[in-house]
All heavy atoms as atom14 arrays in JSON, in Angstrom:
{
  "sequence": "ALSNVPPLRNYFLEEENYRRIQRPPGDIMFLLVQRFGELMRKLWN",
  "atom14_mask": [
    [1, 1, 1, 1, 1, 0, 0, 0, 0, 0, 0, 0, 0, 0],
    [1, 1, 1, 1, 1, 1, 1, 1, 0, 0, 0, 0, 0, 0],
    [1, 1, 1, 1, 1, 1, 0, 0, 0, 0, 0, 0, 0, 0],
    [1, 1, 1, 1, 1, 1, 1, 1, 0, 0, 0, 0, 0, 0],
    [1, 1, 1, 1, 1, 1, 1, 0, 0, 0, 0, 0, 0, 0],
    [1, 1, 1, 1, 1, 1, 1, 0, 0, 0, 0, 0, 0, 0],
    [1, 1, 1, 1, 1, 1, 1, 0, 0, 0, 0, 0, 0, 0],
    [1, 1, 1, 1, 1, 1, 1, 1, 0, 0, 0, 0, 0, 0],
    [1, 1, 1, 1, 1, 1, 1, 1, 1, 1, 1, 0, 0, 0],
    [1, 1, 1, 1, 1, 1, 1, 1, 0, 0, 0, 0, 0, 0],
    [1, 1, 1, 1, 1, 1, 1, 1, 1, 1, 1, 1, 0, 0],
    [1, 1, 1, 1, 1, 1, 1, 1, 1, 1, 1, 0, 0, 0],
    [1, 1, 1, 1, 1, 1, 1, 1, 0, 0, 0, 0, 0, 0],
    [1, 1, 1, 1, 1, 1, 1, 1, 1, 0, 0, 0, 0, 0],
    [1, 1, 1, 1, 1, 1, 1, 1, 1, 0, 0, 0, 0, 0],
    [1, 1, 1, 1, 1, 1, 1, 1, 1, 0, 0, 0, 0, 0],
    [1, 1, 1, 1, 1, 1, 1, 1, 0, 0, 0, 0, 0, 0],
    [1, 1, 1, 1, 1, 1, 1, 1, 1, 1, 1, 1, 0, 0],
    [1, 1, 1, 1, 1, 1, 1, 1, 1, 1, 1, 0, 0, 0],
    [1, 1, 1, 1, 1, 1, 1, 1, 1, 1, 1, 0, 0, 0],
    [1, 1, 1, 1, 1, 1, 1, 1, 0, 0, 0, 0, 0, 0],
    [1, 1, 1, 1, 1, 1, 1, 1, 1, 0, 0, 0, 0, 0],
    [1, 1, 1, 1, 1, 1, 1, 1, 1, 1, 1, 0, 0, 0],
    [1, 1, 1, 1, 1, 1, 1, 0, 0, 0, 0, 0, 0, 0],
    [1, 1, 1, 1, 1, 1, 1, 0, 0, 0, 0, 0, 0, 0],
    [1, 1, 1, 1, 0, 0, 0, 0, 0, 0, 0, 0, 0, 0],
    [1, 1, 1, 1, 1, 1, 1, 1, 0, 0, 0, 0, 0, 0],
    [1, 1, 1, 1, 1, 1, 1, 1, 0, 0, 0, 0, 0, 0],
    [1, 1, 1, 1, 1, 1, 1, 1, 0, 0, 0, 0, 0, 0],
    [1, 1, 1, 1, 1, 1, 1, 1, 1, 1, 1, 0, 0, 0],
    [1, 1, 1, 1, 1, 1, 1, 1, 0, 0, 0, 0, 0, 0],
    [1, 1, 1, 1, 1, 1, 1, 1, 0, 0, 0, 0, 0, 0],
    [1, 1, 1, 1, 1, 1, 1, 0, 0, 0, 0, 0, 0, 0],
    [1, 1, 1, 1, 1, 1, 1, 1, 1, 0, 0, 0, 0, 0],
    [1, 1, 1, 1, 1, 1, 1, 1, 1, 1, 1, 0, 0, 0],
    [1, 1, 1, 1, 1, 1, 1, 1, 1, 1, 1, 0, 0, 0],
    [1, 1, 1, 1, 0, 0, 0, 0, 0, 0, 0, 0, 0, 0],
    [1, 1, 1, 1, 1, 1, 1, 1, 1, 0, 0, 0, 0, 0],
    [1, 1, 1, 1, 1, 1, 1, 1, 0, 0, 0, 0, 0, 0],
    [1, 1, 1, 1, 1, 1, 1, 1, 0, 0, 0, 0, 0, 0],
    [1, 1, 1, 1, 1, 1, 1, 1, 1, 1, 1, 0, 0, 0],
    [1, 1, 1, 1, 1, 1, 1, 1, 1, 0, 0, 0, 0, 0],
    [1, 1, 1, 1, 1, 1, 1, 1, 0, 0, 0, 0, 0, 0],
    [1, 1, 1, 1, 1, 1, 1, 1, 1, 1, 1, 1, 1, 1],
    [1, 1, 1, 1, 1, 1, 1, 1, 0, 0, 0, 0, 0, 0]
  ],
  "atom14_positions": [
    [[1.73, 4.9, 13.72], [1.95, 6.33, 13.45], [1.76, 6.62, 11.95], [1.1, 7.6, 11.58], [3.36, 6.72, 13.88], [0.0, 0.0, 0.0], [0.0, 0.0, 0.0], [0.0, 0.0, 0.0], [0.0, 0.0, 0.0], [0.0, 0.0, 0.0], [0.0, 0.0, 0.0], [0.0, 0.0, 0.0], [0.0, 0.0, 0.0], [0.0, 0.0, 0.0]],
    [[2.31, 5.79, 11.07], [2.18, 5.99, 9.65], [0.75, 5.89, 9.18], [0.34, 6.58, 8.24], [3.05, 4.99, 8.89], [4.57, 5.14, 9.06], [5.3, 4.04, 8.31], [5.04, 6.52, 8.59], [0.0, 0.0, 0.0], [0.0, 0.0, 0.0], [0.0, 0.0, 0.0], [0.0, 0.0, 0.0], [0.0, 0.0, 0.0], [0.0, 0.0, 0.0]],
    [[-0.06, 5.05, 9.87], [-1.46, 4.89, 9.43], [-2.3, 6.12, 9.73], [-3.43, 6.21, 9.26], [-2.06, 3.68, 10.16], [-2.31, 3.98, 11.54], [0.0, 0.0, 0.0], [0.0, 0.0, 0.0], [0.0, 0.0, 0.0], [0.0, 0.0, 0.0], [0.0, 0.0, 0.0], [0.0, 0.0, 0.0], [0.0, 0.0, 0.0], [0.0, 0.0, 0.0]],
    [[-1.74, 7.08, 10.47], [-2.47, 8.29, 10.78], [-1.83, 9.54, 10.17], [-2.06, 10.65, 10.6], [-2.58, 8.46, 12.3], [-3.66, 7.55, 12.88], [-4.86, 7.9, 12.85], [-3.25, 6.39, 13.36], [0.0, 0.0, 0.0], [0.0, 0.0, 0.0], [0.0, 0.0, 0.0], [0.0, 0.0, 0.0], [0.0, 0.0, 0.0], [0.0, 0.0, 0.0]],
    [[-1.01, 9.31, 9.1], [-0.47, 10.4, 8.3], [-1.39, 10.48, 7.06], [-1.25, 9.64, 6.16], [0.99, 10.16, 7.91], [1.48, 11.29, 7.01], [1.85, 10.0, 9.14], [0.0, 0.0, 0.0], [0.0, 0.0, 0.0], [0.0, 0.0, 0.0], [0.0, 0.0, 0.0], [0.0, 0.0, 0.0], [0.0, 0.0, 0.0], [0.0, 0.0, 0.0]],
    [[-2.31, 11.45, 7.01], [-3.36, 11.42, 5.97], [-2.91, 11.21, 4.54], [-3.45, 10.35, 3.83], [-4.06, 12.78, 6.17], [-3.93, 13.02, 7.64], [-2.53, 12.53, 7.98], [0.0, 0.0, 0.0], [0.0, 0.0, 0.0], [0.0, 0.0, 0.0], [0.0, 0.0, 0.0], [0.0, 0.0, 0.0], [0.0, 0.0, 0.0], [0.0, 0.0, 0.0]],
    [[-1.9, 11.94, 4.0], [-1.52, 11.71, 2.58], [-1.05, 10.28, 2.36], [-1.36, 9.66, 1.34], [-0.38, 12.72, 2.35], [-0.59, 13.76, 3.4], [-1.1, 13.03, 4.62], [0.0, 0.0, 0.0], [0.0, 0.0, 0.0], [0.0, 0.0, 0.0], [0.0, 0.0, 0.0], [0.0, 0.0, 0.0], [0.0, 0.0, 0.0], [0.0, 0.0, 0.0]],
    [[-0.24, 9.76, 3.28], [0.26, 8.36, 3.17], [-0.91, 7.39, 3.29], [-1.04, 6.46, 2.48], [1.3, 8.13, 4.24], [2.08, 6.82, 4.16], [2.96, 6.77, 2.92], [2.96, 6.67, 5.41], [0.0, 0.0, 0.0], [0.0, 0.0, 0.0], [0.0, 0.0, 0.0], [0.0, 0.0, 0.0], [0.0, 0.0, 0.0], [0.0, 0.0, 0.0]],
    [[-1.72, 7.59, 4.31], [-2.89, 6.71, 4.54], [-3.79, 6.67, 3.33], [-4.21, 5.63, 2.84], [-3.63, 7.21, 5.76], [-4.94, 6.49, 6.01], [-5.85, 7.33, 6.89], [-6.29, 8.53, 6.19], [-6.88, 9.56, 6.8], [-7.08, 9.55, 8.1], [-7.27, 10.63, 6.07], [0.0, 0.0, 0.0], [0.0, 0.0, 0.0], [0.0, 0.0, 0.0]],
    [[-4.15, 7.85, 2.82], [-5.11, 7.96, 1.69], [-4.59, 7.24, 0.45], [-5.35, 6.62, -0.28], [-5.4, 9.4, 1.4], [-6.13, 10.1, 2.54], [-6.52, 9.46, 3.53], [-6.29, 11.4, 2.44], [0.0, 0.0, 0.0], [0.0, 0.0, 0.0], [0.0, 0.0, 0.0], [0.0, 0.0, 0.0], [0.0, 0.0, 0.0], [0.0, 0.0, 0.0]],
    [[-3.29, 7.38, 0.21], [-2.71, 6.73, -0.97], [-2.85, 5.22, -0.87], [-3.24, 4.54, -1.84], [-1.23, 7.11, -1.1], [-0.52, 6.43, -2.25], [-0.6, 6.96, -3.53], [0.19, 5.27, -2.07], [0.01, 6.31, -4.6], [0.81, 4.61, -3.12], [0.72, 5.16, -4.41], [1.32, 4.52, -5.44], [0.0, 0.0, 0.0], [0.0, 0.0, 0.0]],
    [[-2.58, 4.64, 0.3], [-2.56, 3.2, 0.44], [-3.96, 2.62, 0.67], [-4.15, 1.42, 0.47], [-1.61, 2.76, 1.55], [-0.18, 2.79, 1.16], [0.62, 3.88, 1.43], [0.38, 1.74, 0.46], [1.95, 3.93, 1.04], [1.7, 1.75, 0.05], [2.49, 2.85, 0.34], [0.0, 0.0, 0.0], [0.0, 0.0, 0.0], [0.0, 0.0, 0.0]],
    [[-4.9, 3.44, 1.06], [-6.27, 2.9, 1.24], [-6.9, 2.56, -0.1], [-7.75, 1.68, -0.18], [-7.15, 3.95, 1.95], [-6.96, 4.08, 3.47], [-7.89, 5.16, 4.02], [-7.18, 2.77, 4.2], [0.0, 0.0, 0.0], [0.0, 0.0, 0.0], [0.0, 0.0, 0.0], [0.0, 0.0, 0.0], [0.0, 0.0, 0.0], [0.0, 0.0, 0.0]],
    [[-6.46, 3.22, -1.17], [-7.06, 2.97, -2.48], [-6.07, 2.15, -3.32], [-5.09, 2.69, -3.86], [-7.38, 4.29, -3.18], [-8.33, 4.16, -4.34], [-8.92, 5.49, -4.78], [-8.58, 6.54, -4.2], [-9.7, 5.47, -5.75], [0.0, 0.0, 0.0], [0.0, 0.0, 0.0], [0.0, 0.0, 0.0], [0.0, 0.0, 0.0], [0.0, 0.0, 0.0]],
    [[-6.31, 0.89, -3.43], [-5.36, -0.05, -4.06], [-5.11, 0.29, -5.5], [-4.01, 0.0, -6.02], [-5.89, -1.48, -3.96], [-4.88, -2.54, -4.34], [-5.41, -3.94, -4.14], [-6.57, -4.11, -3.76], [-4.64, -4.91, -4.33], [0.0, 0.0, 0.0], [0.0, 0.0, 0.0], [0.0, 0.0, 0.0], [0.0, 0.0, 0.0], [0.0, 0.0, 0.0]],
    [[-6.03, 0.93, -6.19], [-5.85, 1.29, -7.59], [-4.66, 2.24, -7.79], [-4.11, 2.31, -8.87], [-7.11, 1.94, -8.15], [-8.25, 0.95, -8.41], [-7.84, -0.13, -9.44], [-7.2, 0.23, -10.44], [-8.16, -1.3, -9.21], [0.0, 0.0, 0.0], [0.0, 0.0, 0.0], [0.0, 0.0, 0.0], [0.0, 0.0, 0.0], [0.0, 0.0, 0.0]],
    [[-4.26, 2.93, -6.73], [-3.13, 3.86, -6.83], [-1.83, 3.16, -7.18], [-0.93, 3.78, -7.78], [-2.94, 4.64, -5.51], [-4.04, 5.66, -5.29], [-4.57, 6.2, -6.23], [-4.34, 5.94, -4.03], [0.0, 0.0, 0.0], [0.0, 0.0, 0.0], [0.0, 0.0, 0.0], [0.0, 0.0, 0.0], [0.0, 0.0, 0.0], [0.0, 0.0, 0.0]],
    [[-1.69, 1.92, -6.81], [-0.42, 1.22, -7.05], [-0.57, -0.18, -7.63], [0.41, -0.89, -7.84], [0.38, 1.13, -5.71], [-0.4, 0.59, -4.57], [-0.47, -0.77, -4.31], [-1.08, 1.43, -3.68], [-1.19, -1.28, -3.25], [-1.8, 0.94, -2.62], [-1.86, -0.41, -2.39], [-2.56, -0.9, -1.34], [0.0, 0.0, 0.0], [0.0, 0.0, 0.0]],
    [[-1.79, -0.57, -7.96], [-2.02, -1.93, -8.48], [-1.24, -2.19, -9.76], [-0.73, -3.29, -9.98], [-3.51, -2.13, -8.72], [-3.87, -3.57, -9.12], [-5.25, -3.63, -9.77], [-6.27, -3.22, -8.85], [-6.91, -4.05, -8.01], [-6.58, -5.33, -8.0], [-7.85, -3.61, -7.22], [0.0, 0.0, 0.0], [0.0, 0.0, 0.0], [0.0, 0.0, 0.0]],
    [[-1.13, -1.18, -10.63], [-0.56, -1.4, -11.95], [0.91, -0.98, -12.08], [1.44, -0.92, -13.16], [-1.39, -0.65, -12.99], [-2.8, -1.21, -13.14], [-3.6, -0.45, -14.2], [-4.93, -1.05, -14.38], [-5.98, -0.8, -13.63], [-5.84, 0.08, -12.63], [-7.12, -1.38, -13.84], [0.0, 0.0, 0.0], [0.0, 0.0, 0.0], [0.0, 0.0, 0.0]],
    [[1.53, -0.67, -10.95], [2.97, -0.31, -11.0], [3.78, -1.53, -11.42], [3.65, -2.6, -10.85], [3.44, 0.23, -9.64], [2.78, 1.57, -9.37], [4.98, 0.38, -9.62], [3.12, 2.18, -8.03], [0.0, 0.0, 0.0], [0.0, 0.0, 0.0], [0.0, 0.0, 0.0], [0.0, 0.0, 0.0], [0.0, 0.0, 0.0], [0.0, 0.0, 0.0]],
    [[4.63, -1.35, -12.41], [5.44, -2.46, -12.95], [6.75, -2.61, -12.16], [7.43, -1.63, -11.9], [5.74, -2.2, -14.43], [4.54, -2.13, -15.32], [3.74, -3.42, -15.37], [4.33, -4.49, -15.52], [2.44, -3.32, -15.25], [0.0, 0.0, 0.0], [0.0, 0.0, 0.0], [0.0, 0.0, 0.0], [0.0, 0.0, 0.0], [0.0, 0.0, 0.0]],
    [[7.04, -3.84, -11.77], [8.27, -4.12, -11.05], [9.02, -5.23, -11.79], [8.44, -6.04, -12.51], [7.97, -4.56, -9.63], [7.28, -3.55, -8.79], [8.07, -2.28, -8.64], [9.38, -2.5, -8.07], [10.37, -1.6, -8.1], [10.22, -0.46, -8.72], [11.53, -1.87, -7.56], [0.0, 0.0, 0.0], [0.0, 0.0, 0.0], [0.0, 0.0, 0.0]],
    [[10.35, -5.28, -11.65], [11.15, -6.31, -12.32], [10.71, -7.72, -11.87], [10.29, -7.88, -10.72], [12.57, -6.03, -11.87], [12.55, -4.59, -11.42], [11.19, -4.35, -10.87], [0.0, 0.0, 0.0], [0.0, 0.0, 0.0], [0.0, 0.0, 0.0], [0.0, 0.0, 0.0], [0.0, 0.0, 0.0], [0.0, 0.0, 0.0], [0.0, 0.0, 0.0]],
    [[10.78, -8.7, -12.75], [10.45, -10.07, -12.38], [11.26, -10.56, -11.18], [12.48, -10.3, -11.08], [10.81, -10.89, -13.64], [10.75, -9.88, -14.75], [11.22, -8.58, -14.16], [0.0, 0.0, 0.0], [0.0, 0.0, 0.0], [0.0, 0.0, 0.0], [0.0, 0.0, 0.0], [0.0, 0.0, 0.0], [0.0, 0.0, 0.0], [0.0, 0.0, 0.0]],
    [[10.61, -11.19, -10.25], [11.3, -11.68, -9.06], [11.49, -10.68, -7.96], [12.05, -11.01, -6.89], [0.0, 0.0, 0.0], [0.0, 0.0, 0.0], [0.0, 0.0, 0.0], [0.0, 0.0, 0.0], [0.0, 0.0, 0.0], [0.0, 0.0, 0.0], [0.0, 0.0, 0.0], [0.0, 0.0, 0.0], [0.0, 0.0, 0.0], [0.0, 0.0, 0.0]],
    [[11.08, -9.43, -8.17], [11.25, -8.38, -7.16], [10.32, -8.66, -5.97], [9.11, -8.74, -6.16], [10.93, -7.03, -7.78], [10.99, -5.91, -6.74], [11.85, -5.97, -5.86], [10.13, -5.0, -6.79], [0.0, 0.0, 0.0], [0.0, 0.0, 0.0], [0.0, 0.0, 0.0], [0.0, 0.0, 0.0], [0.0, 0.0, 0.0], [0.0, 0.0, 0.0]],
    [[10.88, -8.8, -4.77], [10.06, -9.1, -3.62], [9.69, -7.84, -2.85], [8.8, -7.87, -2.0], [10.79, -10.07, -2.65], [12.08, -9.42, -2.09], [11.07, -11.4, -3.35], [12.68, -10.24, -0.95], [0.0, 0.0, 0.0], [0.0, 0.0, 0.0], [0.0, 0.0, 0.0], [0.0, 0.0, 0.0], [0.0, 0.0, 0.0], [0.0, 0.0, 0.0]],
    [[10.34, -6.71, -3.15], [10.13, -5.49, -2.34], [8.72, -4.94, -2.49], [8.22, -4.27, -1.59], [11.18, -4.44, -2.69], [12.58, -4.87, -2.39], [12.88, -5.39, -0.69], [12.71, -3.84, 0.19], [0.0, 0.0, 0.0], [0.0, 0.0, 0.0], [0.0, 0.0, 0.0], [0.0, 0.0, 0.0], [0.0, 0.0, 0.0], [0.0, 0.0, 0.0]],
    [[8.08, -5.22, -3.62], [6.71, -4.68, -3.82], [5.73, -5.36, -2.86], [4.65, -4.86, -2.63], [6.25, -4.87, -5.25], [5.09, -3.99, -5.61], [5.25, -2.62, -5.76], [3.81, -4.52, -5.76], [4.19, -1.79, -6.09], [2.72, -3.7, -6.07], [2.91, -2.33, -6.22], [0.0, 0.0, 0.0], [0.0, 0.0, 0.0], [0.0, 0.0, 0.0]],
    [[6.14, -6.47, -2.26], [5.31, -7.13, -1.27], [5.04, -6.2, -0.09], [3.97, -6.23, 0.52], [6.0, -8.41, -0.78], [5.24, -9.27, 0.22], [3.95, -9.81, -0.42], [6.11, -10.45, 0.69], [0.0, 0.0, 0.0], [0.0, 0.0, 0.0], [0.0, 0.0, 0.0], [0.0, 0.0, 0.0], [0.0, 0.0, 0.0], [0.0, 0.0, 0.0]],
    [[6.04, -5.35, 0.25], [5.86, -4.38, 1.32], [4.7, -3.41, 1.0], [3.91, -3.08, 1.88], [7.14, -3.56, 1.55], [8.31, -4.22, 2.29], [9.48, -3.23, 2.33], [7.89, -4.64, 3.7], [0.0, 0.0, 0.0], [0.0, 0.0, 0.0], [0.0, 0.0, 0.0], [0.0, 0.0, 0.0], [0.0, 0.0, 0.0], [0.0, 0.0, 0.0]],
    [[4.64, -2.98, -0.23], [3.56, -2.08, -0.67], [2.22, -2.75, -0.51], [1.27, -2.19, 0.05], [3.8, -1.62, -2.12], [2.64, -0.78, -2.6], [5.1, -0.84, -2.22], [0.0, 0.0, 0.0], [0.0, 0.0, 0.0], [0.0, 0.0, 0.0], [0.0, 0.0, 0.0], [0.0, 0.0, 0.0], [0.0, 0.0, 0.0], [0.0, 0.0, 0.0]],
    [[2.12, -3.97, -1.01], [0.87, -4.7, -0.94], [0.42, -4.95, 0.48], [-0.76, -4.72, 0.84], [0.99, -6.03, -1.69], [1.24, -5.85, -3.2], [1.58, -7.17, -3.84], [2.34, -7.99, -3.31], [1.02, -7.4, -5.04], [0.0, 0.0, 0.0], [0.0, 0.0, 0.0], [0.0, 0.0, 0.0], [0.0, 0.0, 0.0], [0.0, 0.0, 0.0]],
    [[1.33, -5.39, 1.34], [0.98, -5.71, 2.7], [0.66, -4.44, 3.51], [-0.21, -4.44, 4.39], [2.12, -6.5, 3.38], [2.33, -7.87, 2.8], [1.15, -8.79, 3.12], [1.34, -10.13, 2.58], [0.77, -10.59, 1.47], [-0.05, -9.79, 0.79], [1.0, -11.8, 1.04], [0.0, 0.0, 0.0], [0.0, 0.0, 0.0], [0.0, 0.0, 0.0]],
    [[1.38, -3.36, 3.23], [1.11, -2.12, 3.94], [-0.29, -1.6, 3.56], [-1.04, -1.14, 4.43], [2.18, -1.09, 3.65], [2.07, 0.18, 4.49], [2.1, 0.11, 5.86], [1.97, 1.43, 3.89], [2.01, 1.25, 6.65], [1.86, 2.57, 4.66], [1.88, 2.48, 6.05], [0.0, 0.0, 0.0], [0.0, 0.0, 0.0], [0.0, 0.0, 0.0]],
    [[-0.63, -1.69, 2.3], [-1.95, -1.27, 1.86], [-3.03, -2.12, 2.51], [-4.07, -1.59, 2.99], [0.0, 0.0, 0.0], [0.0, 0.0, 0.0], [0.0, 0.0, 0.0], [0.0, 0.0, 0.0], [0.0, 0.0, 0.0], [0.0, 0.0, 0.0], [0.0, 0.0, 0.0], [0.0, 0.0, 0.0], [0.0, 0.0, 0.0], [0.0, 0.0, 0.0]],
    [[-2.82, -3.42, 2.59], [-3.78, -4.31, 3.23], [-3.96, -3.94, 4.72], [-5.09, -3.9, 5.23], [-3.34, -5.75, 3.11], [-3.43, -6.28, 1.69], [-2.74, -7.65, 1.55], [-2.22, -8.13, 2.57], [-2.74, -8.2, 0.44], [0.0, 0.0, 0.0], [0.0, 0.0, 0.0], [0.0, 0.0, 0.0], [0.0, 0.0, 0.0], [0.0, 0.0, 0.0]],
    [[-2.85, -3.66, 5.37], [-2.92, -3.31, 6.79], [-3.64, -1.99, 6.99], [-4.45, -1.85, 7.91], [-1.51, -3.22, 7.39], [-1.42, -2.93, 8.9], [-2.1, -4.06, 9.68], [0.01, -2.76, 9.34], [0.0, 0.0, 0.0], [0.0, 0.0, 0.0], [0.0, 0.0, 0.0], [0.0, 0.0, 0.0], [0.0, 0.0, 0.0], [0.0, 0.0, 0.0]],
    [[-3.38, -0.99, 6.15], [-4.07, 0.3, 6.26], [-5.58, 0.11, 6.13], [-6.36, 0.69, 6.91], [-3.59, 1.26, 5.18], [-2.18, 1.78, 5.31], [-1.89, 2.65, 6.85], [-1.12, 1.34, 7.83], [0.0, 0.0, 0.0], [0.0, 0.0, 0.0], [0.0, 0.0, 0.0], [0.0, 0.0, 0.0], [0.0, 0.0, 0.0], [0.0, 0.0, 0.0]],
    [[-5.97, -0.7, 5.19], [-7.42, -0.88, 4.97], [-8.07, -1.64, 6.14], [-9.22, -1.38, 6.48], [-7.65, -1.62, 3.66], [-7.32, -0.76, 2.42], [-7.73, -1.41, 1.12], [-6.92, -2.52, 0.75], [-5.73, -2.43, 0.14], [-5.25, -1.23, -0.17], [-5.04, -3.5, -0.2], [0.0, 0.0, 0.0], [0.0, 0.0, 0.0], [0.0, 0.0, 0.0]],
    [[-7.33, -2.53, 6.78], [-7.87, -3.24, 7.93], [-7.95, -2.33, 9.16], [-8.9, -2.4, 9.94], [-7.04, -4.48, 8.22], [-7.23, -5.57, 7.15], [-6.38, -6.79, 7.44], [-6.59, -7.85, 6.37], [-5.75, -9.04, 6.59], [0.0, 0.0, 0.0], [0.0, 0.0, 0.0], [0.0, 0.0, 0.0], [0.0, 0.0, 0.0], [0.0, 0.0, 0.0]],
    [[-6.94, -1.49, 9.33], [-6.95, -0.55, 10.46], [-8.11, 0.46, 10.37], [-8.65, 0.87, 11.38], [-5.6, 0.19, 10.53], [-4.4, -0.62, 11.08], [-3.11, 0.17, 10.86], [-4.6, -0.94, 12.56], [0.0, 0.0, 0.0], [0.0, 0.0, 0.0], [0.0, 0.0, 0.0], [0.0, 0.0, 0.0], [0.0, 0.0, 0.0], [0.0, 0.0, 0.0]],
    [[-8.43, 0.86, 9.15], [-9.45, 1.88, 8.95], [-10.81, 1.28, 8.62], [-11.75, 2.0, 8.29], [-9.02, 2.88, 7.9], [-7.99, 3.82, 8.44], [-6.64, 3.67, 8.43], [-8.24, 5.05, 9.12], [-6.02, 4.72, 9.05], [-6.97, 5.59, 9.48], [-9.39, 5.76, 9.46], [-6.86, 6.79, 10.16], [-9.29, 6.95, 10.14], [-8.02, 7.46, 10.48]],
    [[-10.92, -0.03, 8.67], [-12.18, -0.72, 8.36], [-13.25, -0.4, 9.39], [-13.07, -0.68, 10.58], [-11.91, -2.24, 8.32], [-13.14, -3.06, 8.0], [-14.19, -2.5, 7.64], [-13.02, -4.34, 8.1], [0.0, 0.0, 0.0], [0.0, 0.0, 0.0], [0.0, 0.0, 0.0], [0.0, 0.0, 0.0], [0.0, 0.0, 0.0], [0.0, 0.0, 0.0]]
  ]
}
């Protein structure tokens, strides 16, 4: 469902949108962002 919400989908399809966001050392939550972006790009490939 989330992969078909255009504003959300478009943001995550372009990795440059969040590649340079700074997170605290050891923060694992940004992994969700990376994996969700990867999944969006594979779904729309």
